[in-house]
Amino acid sequence: LVIHSFLEGSILVPTPATGEVSESFYAILAGIALHHIPAAFAL
């Protein structure tokens, strides 16, 4: 779970060089956070 979660967080780089990730930073962040709710409960 730690490896899985670390990799998810590692793509959140809000700089112009990351293109769509930077432009949709909060949308991607929301997706990762939502995904962590059932995972944390189950853990």
PDB file of all heavy atoms in Angstrom:
ATOM      1  N   LEU A   1       0.818  -1.210   0.000  1.00  0.00           N
ATOM      2  CA  LEU A   1       0.000   0.000   0.000  1.00  0.00           C
ATOM      3  C   LEU A   1       0.856   1.266   0.000  1.00  0.00           C
ATOM      4  O   LEU A   1       0.527   2.255  -0.657  1.00  0.00           O
ATOM      5  CB  LEU A   1      -0.924   0.017   1.221  1.00  0.00           C
ATOM      6  CG  LEU A   1      -2.186  -0.837   1.143  1.00  0.00           C
ATOM      7  CD1 LEU A   1      -2.985  -0.716   2.433  1.00  0.00           C
ATOM      8  CD2 LEU A   1      -3.053  -0.447  -0.037  1.00  0.00           C
ATOM      9  N   VAL A   2       1.950   1.235   0.751  1.00  0.00           N
ATOM     10  CA  VAL A   2       2.839   2.398   0.802  1.00  0.00           C
ATOM     11  C   VAL A   2       3.470   2.654  -0.568  1.00  0.00           C
ATOM     12  O   VAL A   2       3.530   3.805  -1.027  1.00  0.00           O
ATOM     13  CB  VAL A   2       3.913   2.198   1.893  1.00  0.00           C
ATOM     14  CG1 VAL A   2       5.043   3.215   1.734  1.00  0.00           C
ATOM     15  CG2 VAL A   2       3.294   2.331   3.280  1.00  0.00           C
ATOM     16  N   ILE A   3       3.926   1.605  -1.233  1.00  0.00           N
ATOM     17  CA  ILE A   3       4.503   1.754  -2.577  1.00  0.00           C
ATOM     18  C   ILE A   3       3.457   2.308  -3.539  1.00  0.00           C
ATOM     19  O   ILE A   3       3.715   3.256  -4.300  1.00  0.00           O
ATOM     20  CB  ILE A   3       5.039   0.399  -3.088  1.00  0.00           C
ATOM     21  CG1 ILE A   3       6.211  -0.072  -2.236  1.00  0.00           C
ATOM     22  CG2 ILE A   3       5.448   0.507  -4.565  1.00  0.00           C
ATOM     23  CD1 ILE A   3       7.416   0.831  -2.277  1.00  0.00           C
ATOM     24  N   HIS A   4       2.277   1.718  -3.505  1.00  0.00           N
ATOM     25  CA  HIS A   4       1.174   2.151  -4.357  1.00  0.00           C
ATOM     26  C   HIS A   4       0.861   3.635  -4.134  1.00  0.00           C
ATOM     27  O   HIS A   4       0.741   4.421  -5.077  1.00  0.00           O
ATOM     28  CB  HIS A   4      -0.044   1.284  -4.025  1.00  0.00           C
ATOM     29  CG  HIS A   4      -1.324   1.723  -4.652  1.00  0.00           C
ATOM     30  ND1 HIS A   4      -1.687   1.374  -5.928  1.00  0.00           N
ATOM     31  CD2 HIS A   4      -2.347   2.478  -4.179  1.00  0.00           C
ATOM     32  CE1 HIS A   4      -2.866   1.903  -6.215  1.00  0.00           C
ATOM     33  NE2 HIS A   4      -3.287   2.579  -5.163  1.00  0.00           N
ATOM     34  N   SER A   5       0.752   4.036  -2.872  1.00  0.00           N
ATOM     35  CA  SER A   5       0.387   5.412  -2.530  1.00  0.00           C
ATOM     36  C   SER A   5       1.516   6.391  -2.853  1.00  0.00           C
ATOM     37  O   SER A   5       1.271   7.505  -3.337  1.00  0.00           O
ATOM     38  CB  SER A   5       0.034   5.484  -1.040  1.00  0.00           C
ATOM     39  OG  SER A   5      -0.481   6.735  -0.691  1.00  0.00           O
ATOM     40  N   PHE A   6       2.761   5.995  -2.603  1.00  0.00           N
ATOM     41  CA  PHE A   6       3.911   6.851  -2.905  1.00  0.00           C
ATOM     42  C   PHE A   6       3.959   7.174  -4.394  1.00  0.00           C
ATOM     43  O   PHE A   6       4.187   8.330  -4.785  1.00  0.00           O
ATOM     44  CB  PHE A   6       5.197   6.161  -2.464  1.00  0.00           C
ATOM     45  CG  PHE A   6       6.442   6.973  -2.721  1.00  0.00           C
ATOM     46  CD1 PHE A   6       6.903   7.870  -1.770  1.00  0.00           C
ATOM     47  CD2 PHE A   6       7.155   6.839  -3.902  1.00  0.00           C
ATOM     48  CE1 PHE A   6       8.050   8.637  -1.998  1.00  0.00           C
ATOM     49  CE2 PHE A   6       8.302   7.581  -4.147  1.00  0.00           C
ATOM     50  CZ  PHE A   6       8.751   8.483  -3.182  1.00  0.00           C
ATOM     51  N   LEU A   7       3.744   6.174  -5.232  1.00  0.00           N
ATOM     52  CA  LEU A   7       3.774   6.387  -6.681  1.00  0.00           C
ATOM     53  C   LEU A   7       2.657   7.330  -7.114  1.00  0.00           C
ATOM     54  O   LEU A   7       2.858   8.199  -7.973  1.00  0.00           O
ATOM     55  CB  LEU A   7       3.650   5.049  -7.411  1.00  0.00           C
ATOM     56  CG  LEU A   7       4.883   4.146  -7.378  1.00  0.00           C
ATOM     57  CD1 LEU A   7       4.566   2.792  -7.995  1.00  0.00           C
ATOM     58  CD2 LEU A   7       6.050   4.800  -8.117  1.00  0.00           C
ATOM     59  N   GLU A   8       1.478   7.174  -6.519  1.00  0.00           N
ATOM     60  CA  GLU A   8       0.371   8.064  -6.867  1.00  0.00           C
ATOM     61  C   GLU A   8       0.712   9.519  -6.547  1.00  0.00           C
ATOM     62  O   GLU A   8       0.456  10.419  -7.356  1.00  0.00           O
ATOM     63  CB  GLU A   8      -0.883   7.649  -6.095  1.00  0.00           C
ATOM     64  CG  GLU A   8      -1.501   6.351  -6.578  1.00  0.00           C
ATOM     65  CD  GLU A   8      -2.713   5.951  -5.771  1.00  0.00           C
ATOM     66  OE1 GLU A   8      -2.832   6.364  -4.593  1.00  0.00           O
ATOM     67  OE2 GLU A   8      -3.549   5.209  -6.316  1.00  0.00           O
ATOM     68  N   GLY A   9       1.264   9.733  -5.361  1.00  0.00           N
ATOM     69  CA  GLY A   9       1.623  11.093  -4.978  1.00  0.00           C
ATOM     70  C   GLY A   9       2.734  11.675  -5.821  1.00  0.00           C
ATOM     71  O   GLY A   9       2.799  12.900  -6.028  1.00  0.00           O
ATOM     72  N   SER A  10       3.605  10.820  -6.356  1.00  0.00           N
ATOM     73  CA  SER A  10       4.795  11.307  -7.053  1.00  0.00           C
ATOM     74  C   SER A  10       4.506  12.005  -8.377  1.00  0.00           C
ATOM     75  O   SER A  10       5.345  12.743  -8.894  1.00  0.00           O
ATOM     76  CB  SER A  10       5.773  10.144  -7.295  1.00  0.00           C
ATOM     77  OG  SER A  10       5.221   9.219  -8.228  1.00  0.00           O
ATOM     78  N   ILE A  11       3.314  11.794  -8.953  1.00  0.00           N
ATOM     79  CA  ILE A  11       3.016  12.447 -10.229  1.00  0.00           C
ATOM     80  C   ILE A  11       2.470  13.862 -10.030  1.00  0.00           C
ATOM     81  O   ILE A  11       2.315  14.612 -11.000  1.00  0.00           O
ATOM     82  CB  ILE A  11       2.020  11.631 -11.077  1.00  0.00           C
ATOM     83  CG1 ILE A  11       0.650  11.582 -10.407  1.00  0.00           C
ATOM     84  CG2 ILE A  11       2.566  10.247 -11.367  1.00  0.00           C
ATOM     85  CD1 ILE A  11      -0.445  11.045 -11.314  1.00  0.00           C
ATOM     86  N   LEU A  12       2.174  14.242  -8.794  1.00  0.00           N
ATOM     87  CA  LEU A  12       1.562  15.550  -8.521  1.00  0.00           C
ATOM     88  C   LEU A  12       2.635  16.636  -8.504  1.00  0.00           C
ATOM     89  O   LEU A  12       3.106  17.061  -7.450  1.00  0.00           O
ATOM     90  CB  LEU A  12       0.804  15.505  -7.198  1.00  0.00           C
ATOM     91  CG  LEU A  12      -0.431  14.584  -7.194  1.00  0.00           C
ATOM     92  CD1 LEU A  12      -0.995  14.450  -5.792  1.00  0.00           C
ATOM     93  CD2 LEU A  12      -1.491  15.107  -8.157  1.00  0.00           C
ATOM     94  N   VAL A  13       3.020  17.060  -9.698  1.00  0.00           N
ATOM     95  CA  VAL A  13       4.058  18.081  -9.865  1.00  0.00           C
ATOM     96  C   VAL A  13       3.439  19.266 -10.614  1.00  0.00           C
ATOM     97  O   VAL A  13       3.280  19.224 -11.835  1.00  0.00           O
ATOM     98  CB  VAL A  13       5.260  17.525 -10.641  1.00  0.00           C
ATOM     99  CG1 VAL A  13       6.341  18.592 -10.781  1.00  0.00           C
ATOM    100  CG2 VAL A  13       5.821  16.282  -9.958  1.00  0.00           C
ATOM    101  N   PRO A  14       3.061  20.337  -9.910  1.00  0.00           N
ATOM    102  CA  PRO A  14       2.358  21.457 -10.543  1.00  0.00           C
ATOM    103  C   PRO A  14       3.288  22.485 -11.180  1.00  0.00           C
ATOM    104  O   PRO A  14       3.416  23.623 -10.727  1.00  0.00           O
ATOM    105  CB  PRO A  14       1.581  22.074  -9.368  1.00  0.00           C
ATOM    106  CG  PRO A  14       2.460  21.810  -8.184  1.00  0.00           C
ATOM    107  CD  PRO A  14       3.144  20.487  -8.450  1.00  0.00           C
ATOM    108  N   THR A  15       3.987  22.066 -12.216  1.00  0.00           N
ATOM    109  CA  THR A  15       4.838  23.001 -12.963  1.00  0.00           C
ATOM    110  C   THR A  15       4.428  22.950 -14.436  1.00  0.00           C
ATOM    111  O   THR A  15       3.907  21.935 -14.902  1.00  0.00           O
ATOM    112  CB  THR A  15       6.325  22.623 -12.852  1.00  0.00           C
ATOM    113  OG1 THR A  15       6.547  21.377 -13.537  1.00  0.00           O
ATOM    114  CG2 THR A  15       6.748  22.474 -11.397  1.00  0.00           C
ATOM    115  N   PRO A  16       4.665  24.024 -15.203  1.00  0.00           N
ATOM    116  CA  PRO A  16       4.266  24.029 -16.618  1.00  0.00           C
ATOM    117  C   PRO A  16       4.859  22.872 -17.417  1.00  0.00           C
ATOM    118  O   PRO A  16       4.267  22.434 -18.410  1.00  0.00           O
ATOM    119  CB  PRO A  16       4.797  25.379 -17.115  1.00  0.00           C
ATOM    120  CG  PRO A  16       4.836  26.236 -15.893  1.00  0.00           C
ATOM    121  CD  PRO A  16       5.209  25.321 -14.762  1.00  0.00           C
ATOM    122  N   ALA A  17       5.998  22.352 -16.973  1.00  0.00           N
ATOM    123  CA  ALA A  17       6.656  21.269 -17.716  1.00  0.00           C
ATOM    124  C   ALA A  17       5.862  19.971 -17.676  1.00  0.00           C
ATOM    125  O   ALA A  17       6.125  19.063 -18.472  1.00  0.00           O
ATOM    126  CB  ALA A  17       8.058  21.027 -17.149  1.00  0.00           C
ATOM    127  N   THR A  18       4.900  19.855 -16.759  1.00  0.00           N
ATOM    128  CA  THR A  18       4.110  18.620 -16.668  1.00  0.00           C
ATOM    129  C   THR A  18       2.770  18.738 -17.384  1.00  0.00           C
ATOM    130  O   THR A  18       1.929  17.844 -17.270  1.00  0.00           O
ATOM    131  CB  THR A  18       3.886  18.225 -15.201  1.00  0.00           C
ATOM    132  OG1 THR A  18       3.195  19.279 -14.515  1.00  0.00           O
ATOM    133  CG2 THR A  18       5.198  17.942 -14.498  1.00  0.00           C
ATOM    134  N   GLY A  19       2.561  19.811 -18.108  1.00  0.00           N
ATOM    135  CA  GLY A  19       1.409  19.941 -19.001  1.00  0.00           C
ATOM    136  C   GLY A  19       0.061  19.719 -18.351  1.00  0.00           C
ATOM    137  O   GLY A  19      -0.341  20.423 -17.435  1.00  0.00           O
ATOM    138  N   GLU A  20      -0.669  18.705 -18.837  1.00  0.00           N
ATOM    139  CA  GLU A  20      -2.025  18.411 -18.375  1.00  0.00           C
ATOM    140  C   GLU A  20      -2.087  18.159 -16.875  1.00  0.00           C
ATOM    141  O   GLU A  20      -3.078  18.491 -16.229  1.00  0.00           O
ATOM    142  CB  GLU A  20      -2.580  17.188 -19.110  1.00  0.00           C
ATOM    143  CG  GLU A  20      -3.000  17.436 -20.533  1.00  0.00           C
ATOM    144  CD  GLU A  20      -4.392  18.044 -20.631  1.00  0.00           C
ATOM    145  OE1 GLU A  20      -5.065  18.156 -19.585  1.00  0.00           O
ATOM    146  OE2 GLU A  20      -4.792  18.426 -21.737  1.00  0.00           O
ATOM    147  N   VAL A  21      -1.041  17.562 -16.322  1.00  0.00           N
ATOM    148  CA  VAL A  21      -1.035  17.276 -14.893  1.00  0.00           C
ATOM    149  C   VAL A  21      -1.068  18.573 -14.097  1.00  0.00           C
ATOM    150  O   VAL A  21      -1.780  18.696 -13.097  1.00  0.00           O
ATOM    151  CB  VAL A  21       0.199  16.434 -14.497  1.00  0.00           C
ATOM    152  CG1 VAL A  21       0.260  16.241 -12.986  1.00  0.00           C
ATOM    153  CG2 VAL A  21       0.158  15.088 -15.196  1.00  0.00           C
ATOM    154  N   SER A  22      -0.307  19.552 -14.558  1.00  0.00           N
ATOM    155  CA  SER A  22      -0.306  20.847 -13.889  1.00  0.00           C
ATOM    156  C   SER A  22      -1.635  21.572 -14.067  1.00  0.00           C
ATOM    157  O   SER A  22      -2.202  22.122 -13.118  1.00  0.00           O
ATOM    158  CB  SER A  22       0.829  21.715 -14.443  1.00  0.00           C
ATOM    159  OG  SER A  22       0.830  22.982 -13.833  1.00  0.00           O
ATOM    160  N   GLU A  23      -2.181  21.518 -15.286  1.00  0.00           N
ATOM    161  CA  GLU A  23      -3.438  22.207 -15.571  1.00  0.00           C
ATOM    162  C   GLU A  23      -4.612  21.569 -14.838  1.00  0.00           C
ATOM    163  O   GLU A  23      -5.562  22.260 -14.452  1.00  0.00           O
ATOM    164  CB  GLU A  23      -3.693  22.197 -17.083  1.00  0.00           C
ATOM    165  CG  GLU A  23      -2.679  23.012 -17.877  1.00  0.00           C
ATOM    166  CD  GLU A  23      -2.842  22.833 -19.377  1.00  0.00           C
ATOM    167  OE1 GLU A  23      -3.873  22.264 -19.791  1.00  0.00           O
ATOM    168  OE2 GLU A  23      -1.934  23.250 -20.121  1.00  0.00           O
ATOM    169  N   SER A  24      -4.567  20.252 -14.657  1.00  0.00           N
ATOM    170  CA  SER A  24      -5.659  19.532 -13.982  1.00  0.00           C
ATOM    171  C   SER A  24      -5.209  19.021 -12.618  1.00  0.00           C
ATOM    172  O   SER A  24      -5.682  17.993 -12.142  1.00  0.00           O
ATOM    173  CB  SER A  24      -6.120  18.360 -14.858  1.00  0.00           C
ATOM    174  OG  SER A  24      -6.458  18.800 -16.142  1.00  0.00           O
ATOM    175  N   PHE A  25      -4.299  19.760 -11.997  1.00  0.00           N
ATOM    176  CA  PHE A  25      -3.667  19.312 -10.755  1.00  0.00           C
ATOM    177  C   PHE A  25      -4.688  18.953  -9.688  1.00  0.00           C
ATOM    178  O   PHE A  25      -4.643  17.870  -9.086  1.00  0.00           O
ATOM    179  CB  PHE A  25      -2.730  20.404 -10.232  1.00  0.00           C
ATOM    180  CG  PHE A  25      -2.009  20.045  -8.964  1.00  0.00           C
ATOM    181  CD1 PHE A  25      -0.877  19.252  -9.003  1.00  0.00           C
ATOM    182  CD2 PHE A  25      -2.467  20.500  -7.734  1.00  0.00           C
ATOM    183  CE1 PHE A  25      -0.206  18.916  -7.834  1.00  0.00           C
ATOM    184  CE2 PHE A  25      -1.812  20.165  -6.573  1.00  0.00           C
ATOM    185  CZ  PHE A  25      -0.674  19.373  -6.617  1.00  0.00           C
ATOM    186  N   TYR A  26      -5.653  19.825  -9.447  1.00  0.00           N
ATOM    187  CA  TYR A  26      -6.608  19.595  -8.359  1.00  0.00           C
ATOM    188  C   TYR A  26      -7.606  18.492  -8.694  1.00  0.00           C
ATOM    189  O   TYR A  26      -8.080  17.784  -7.807  1.00  0.00           O
ATOM    190  CB  TYR A  26      -7.316  20.893  -8.000  1.00  0.00           C
ATOM    191  CG  TYR A  26      -6.383  21.887  -7.350  1.00  0.00           C
ATOM    192  CD1 TYR A  26      -5.911  22.993  -8.051  1.00  0.00           C
ATOM    193  CD2 TYR A  26      -5.932  21.693  -6.036  1.00  0.00           C
ATOM    194  CE1 TYR A  26      -5.021  23.882  -7.459  1.00  0.00           C
ATOM    195  CE2 TYR A  26      -5.052  22.584  -5.451  1.00  0.00           C
ATOM    196  CZ  TYR A  26      -4.598  23.674  -6.160  1.00  0.00           C
ATOM    197  OH  TYR A  26      -3.713  24.545  -5.574  1.00  0.00           O
ATOM    198  N   ALA A  27      -7.906  18.333  -9.970  1.00  0.00           N
ATOM    199  CA  ALA A  27      -8.790  17.242 -10.383  1.00  0.00           C
ATOM    200  C   ALA A  27      -8.125  15.889 -10.150  1.00  0.00           C
ATOM    201  O   ALA A  27      -8.760  14.941  -9.659  1.00  0.00           O
ATOM    202  CB  ALA A  27      -9.166  17.397 -11.850  1.00  0.00           C
ATOM    203  N   ILE A  28      -6.841  15.786 -10.486  1.00  0.00           N
ATOM    204  CA  ILE A  28      -6.101  14.539 -10.258  1.00  0.00           C
ATOM    205  C   ILE A  28      -5.911  14.300  -8.766  1.00  0.00           C
ATOM    206  O   ILE A  28      -6.062  13.173  -8.271  1.00  0.00           O
ATOM    207  CB  ILE A  28      -4.751  14.587 -10.996  1.00  0.00           C
ATOM    208  CG1 ILE A  28      -4.983  14.681 -12.510  1.00  0.00           C
ATOM    209  CG2 ILE A  28      -3.897  13.363 -10.663  1.00  0.00           C
ATOM    210  CD1 ILE A  28      -3.742  15.009 -13.311  1.00  0.00           C
ATOM    211  N   LEU A  29      -5.611  15.357  -8.040  1.00  0.00           N
ATOM    212  CA  LEU A  29      -5.482  15.255  -6.581  1.00  0.00           C
ATOM    213  C   LEU A  29      -6.769  14.730  -5.962  1.00  0.00           C
ATOM    214  O   LEU A  29      -6.741  13.856  -5.086  1.00  0.00           O
ATOM    215  CB  LEU A  29      -5.133  16.625  -6.007  1.00  0.00           C
ATOM    216  CG  LEU A  29      -5.159  16.771  -4.480  1.00  0.00           C
ATOM    217  CD1 LEU A  29      -4.117  15.863  -3.835  1.00  0.00           C
ATOM    218  CD2 LEU A  29      -4.932  18.227  -4.080  1.00  0.00           C
ATOM    219  N   ALA A  30      -7.911  15.242  -6.419  1.00  0.00           N
ATOM    220  CA  ALA A  30      -9.199  14.801  -5.890  1.00  0.00           C
ATOM    221  C   ALA A  30      -9.421  13.313  -6.162  1.00  0.00           C
ATOM    222  O   ALA A  30      -9.934  12.580  -5.299  1.00  0.00           O
ATOM    223  CB  ALA A  30     -10.327  15.625  -6.497  1.00  0.00           C
ATOM    224  N   GLY A  31      -9.028  12.857  -7.354  1.00  0.00           N
ATOM    225  CA  GLY A  31      -9.185  11.447  -7.692  1.00  0.00           C
ATOM    226  C   GLY A  31      -8.366  10.548  -6.781  1.00  0.00           C
ATOM    227  O   GLY A  31      -8.848   9.501  -6.315  1.00  0.00           O
ATOM    228  N   ILE A  32      -7.133  10.953  -6.500  1.00  0.00           N
ATOM    229  CA  ILE A  32      -6.273  10.161  -5.624  1.00  0.00           C
ATOM    230  C   ILE A  32      -6.831  10.159  -4.200  1.00  0.00           C
ATOM    231  O   ILE A  32      -6.878   9.112  -3.533  1.00  0.00           O
ATOM    232  CB  ILE A  32      -4.835  10.712  -5.655  1.00  0.00           C
ATOM    233  CG1 ILE A  32      -4.231  10.532  -7.048  1.00  0.00           C
ATOM    234  CG2 ILE A  32      -3.965  10.015  -4.609  1.00  0.00           C
ATOM    235  CD1 ILE A  32      -2.884  11.207  -7.230  1.00  0.00           C
ATOM    236  N   ALA A  33      -7.275  11.333  -3.732  1.00  0.00           N
ATOM    237  CA  ALA A  33      -7.818  11.424  -2.370  1.00  0.00           C
ATOM    238  C   ALA A  33      -9.079  10.571  -2.231  1.00  0.00           C
ATOM    239  O   ALA A  33      -9.243   9.852  -1.229  1.00  0.00           O
ATOM    240  CB  ALA A  33      -8.115  12.884  -2.026  1.00  0.00           C
ATOM    241  N   LEU A  34      -9.974  10.630  -3.209  1.00  0.00           N
ATOM    242  CA  LEU A  34     -11.193   9.817  -3.166  1.00  0.00           C
ATOM    243  C   LEU A  34     -10.863   8.324  -3.124  1.00  0.00           C
ATOM    244  O   LEU A  34     -11.478   7.554  -2.392  1.00  0.00           O
ATOM    245  CB  LEU A  34     -12.059  10.114  -4.389  1.00  0.00           C
ATOM    246  CG  LEU A  34     -12.928  11.363  -4.345  1.00  0.00           C
ATOM    247  CD1 LEU A  34     -13.529  11.622  -5.719  1.00  0.00           C
ATOM    248  CD2 LEU A  34     -14.030  11.197  -3.296  1.00  0.00           C
ATOM    249  N   HIS A  35      -9.891   7.942  -3.916  1.00  0.00           N
ATOM    250  CA  HIS A  35      -9.470   6.540  -3.981  1.00  0.00           C
ATOM    251  C   HIS A  35      -8.902   6.067  -2.642  1.00  0.00           C
ATOM    252  O   HIS A  35      -9.023   4.891  -2.285  1.00  0.00           O
ATOM    253  CB  HIS A  35      -8.442   6.419  -5.108  1.00  0.00           C
ATOM    254  CG  HIS A  35      -7.626   5.181  -5.087  1.00  0.00           C
ATOM    255  ND1 HIS A  35      -8.172   3.920  -5.040  1.00  0.00           N
ATOM    256  CD2 HIS A  35      -6.279   4.999  -5.111  1.00  0.00           C
ATOM    257  CE1 HIS A  35      -7.204   3.027  -5.039  1.00  0.00           C
ATOM    258  NE2 HIS A  35      -6.055   3.657  -5.070  1.00  0.00           N
ATOM    259  N   HIS A  36      -8.306   6.979  -1.875  1.00  0.00           N
ATOM    260  CA  HIS A  36      -7.703   6.601  -0.601  1.00  0.00           C
ATOM    261  C   HIS A  36      -8.716   6.402   0.521  1.00  0.00           C
ATOM    262  O   HIS A  36      -8.386   5.778   1.532  1.00  0.00           O
ATOM    263  CB  HIS A  36      -6.691   7.669  -0.173  1.00  0.00           C
ATOM    264  CG  HIS A  36      -5.398   7.574  -0.896  1.00  0.00           C
ATOM    265  ND1 HIS A  36      -4.345   8.436  -0.691  1.00  0.00           N
ATOM    266  CD2 HIS A  36      -4.970   6.701  -1.849  1.00  0.00           C
ATOM    267  CE1 HIS A  36      -3.342   8.104  -1.465  1.00  0.00           C
ATOM    268  NE2 HIS A  36      -3.693   7.066  -2.188  1.00  0.00           N
ATOM    269  N   ILE A  37      -9.930   6.912   0.371  1.00  0.00           N
ATOM    270  CA  ILE A  37     -10.916   6.782   1.448  1.00  0.00           C
ATOM    271  C   ILE A  37     -11.272   5.318   1.719  1.00  0.00           C
ATOM    272  O   ILE A  37     -11.113   4.846   2.848  1.00  0.00           O
ATOM    273  CB  ILE A  37     -12.173   7.622   1.140  1.00  0.00           C
ATOM    274  CG1 ILE A  37     -11.818   9.114   1.164  1.00  0.00           C
ATOM    275  CG2 ILE A  37     -13.287   7.321   2.149  1.00  0.00           C
ATOM    276  CD1 ILE A  37     -12.959  10.019   0.719  1.00  0.00           C
ATOM    277  N   PRO A  38     -11.763   4.556   0.724  1.00  0.00           N
ATOM    278  CA  PRO A  38     -12.061   3.141   1.004  1.00  0.00           C
ATOM    279  C   PRO A  38     -10.812   2.327   1.325  1.00  0.00           C
ATOM    280  O   PRO A  38     -10.871   1.379   2.109  1.00  0.00           O
ATOM    281  CB  PRO A  38     -12.743   2.658  -0.275  1.00  0.00           C
ATOM    282  CG  PRO A  38     -12.353   3.629  -1.318  1.00  0.00           C
ATOM    283  CD  PRO A  38     -12.149   4.937  -0.642  1.00  0.00           C
ATOM    284  N   ALA A  39      -9.678   2.699   0.732  1.00  0.00           N
ATOM    285  CA  ALA A  39      -8.441   1.966   1.012  1.00  0.00           C
ATOM    286  C   ALA A  39      -8.028   2.120   2.474  1.00  0.00           C
ATOM    287  O   ALA A  39      -7.650   1.147   3.137  1.00  0.00           O
ATOM    288  CB  ALA A  39      -7.321   2.442   0.088  1.00  0.00           C
ATOM    289  N   ALA A  40      -8.096   3.342   2.995  1.00  0.00           N
ATOM    290  CA  ALA A  40      -7.716   3.591   4.385  1.00  0.00           C
ATOM    291  C   ALA A  40      -8.683   2.911   5.345  1.00  0.00           C
ATOM    292  O   ALA A  40      -8.280   2.360   6.372  1.00  0.00           O
ATOM    293  CB  ALA A  40      -7.673   5.092   4.655  1.00  0.00           C
ATOM    294  N   PHE A  41      -9.966   2.940   5.014  1.00  0.00           N
ATOM    295  CA  PHE A  41     -10.962   2.278   5.859  1.00  0.00           C
ATOM    296  C   PHE A  41     -10.709   0.773   5.906  1.00  0.00           C
ATOM    297  O   PHE A  41     -10.732   0.157   6.973  1.00  0.00           O
ATOM    298  CB  PHE A  41     -12.368   2.565   5.333  1.00  0.00           C
ATOM    299  CG  PHE A  41     -13.473   2.033   6.212  1.00  0.00           C
ATOM    300  CD1 PHE A  41     -13.983   2.820   7.229  1.00  0.00           C
ATOM    301  CD2 PHE A  41     -13.987   0.765   6.026  1.00  0.00           C
ATOM    302  CE1 PHE A  41     -15.005   2.342   8.049  1.00  0.00           C
ATOM    303  CE2 PHE A  41     -14.997   0.272   6.829  1.00  0.00           C
ATOM    304  CZ  PHE A  41     -15.508   1.070   7.846  1.00  0.00           C
ATOM    305  N   ALA A  42     -10.461   0.180   4.732  1.00  0.00           N
ATOM    306  CA  ALA A  42     -10.220  -1.263   4.667  1.00  0.00           C
ATOM    307  C   ALA A  42      -8.926  -1.641   5.380  1.00  0.00           C
ATOM    308  O   ALA A  42      -8.850  -2.662   6.061  1.00  0.00           O
ATOM    309  CB  ALA A  42     -10.176  -1.718   3.205  1.00  0.00           C
ATOM    310  N   LEU A  43      -7.892  -0.806   5.242  1.00  0.00           N
ATOM    311  CA  LEU A  43      -6.633  -1.073   5.937  1.00  0.00           C
ATOM    312  C   LEU A  43      -6.835  -1.037   7.447  1.00  0.00           C
ATOM    313  O   LEU A  43      -6.363  -1.926   8.165  1.00  0.00           O
ATOM    314  CB  LEU A  43      -5.578  -0.044   5.534  1.00  0.00           C
ATOM    315  CG  LEU A  43      -4.277  -0.072   6.351  1.00  0.00           C
ATOM    316  CD1 LEU A  43      -3.550  -1.393   6.163  1.00  0.00           C
ATOM    317  CD2 LEU A  43      -3.378   1.100   5.986  1.00  0.00           C
TER     318      LEU A  43
END
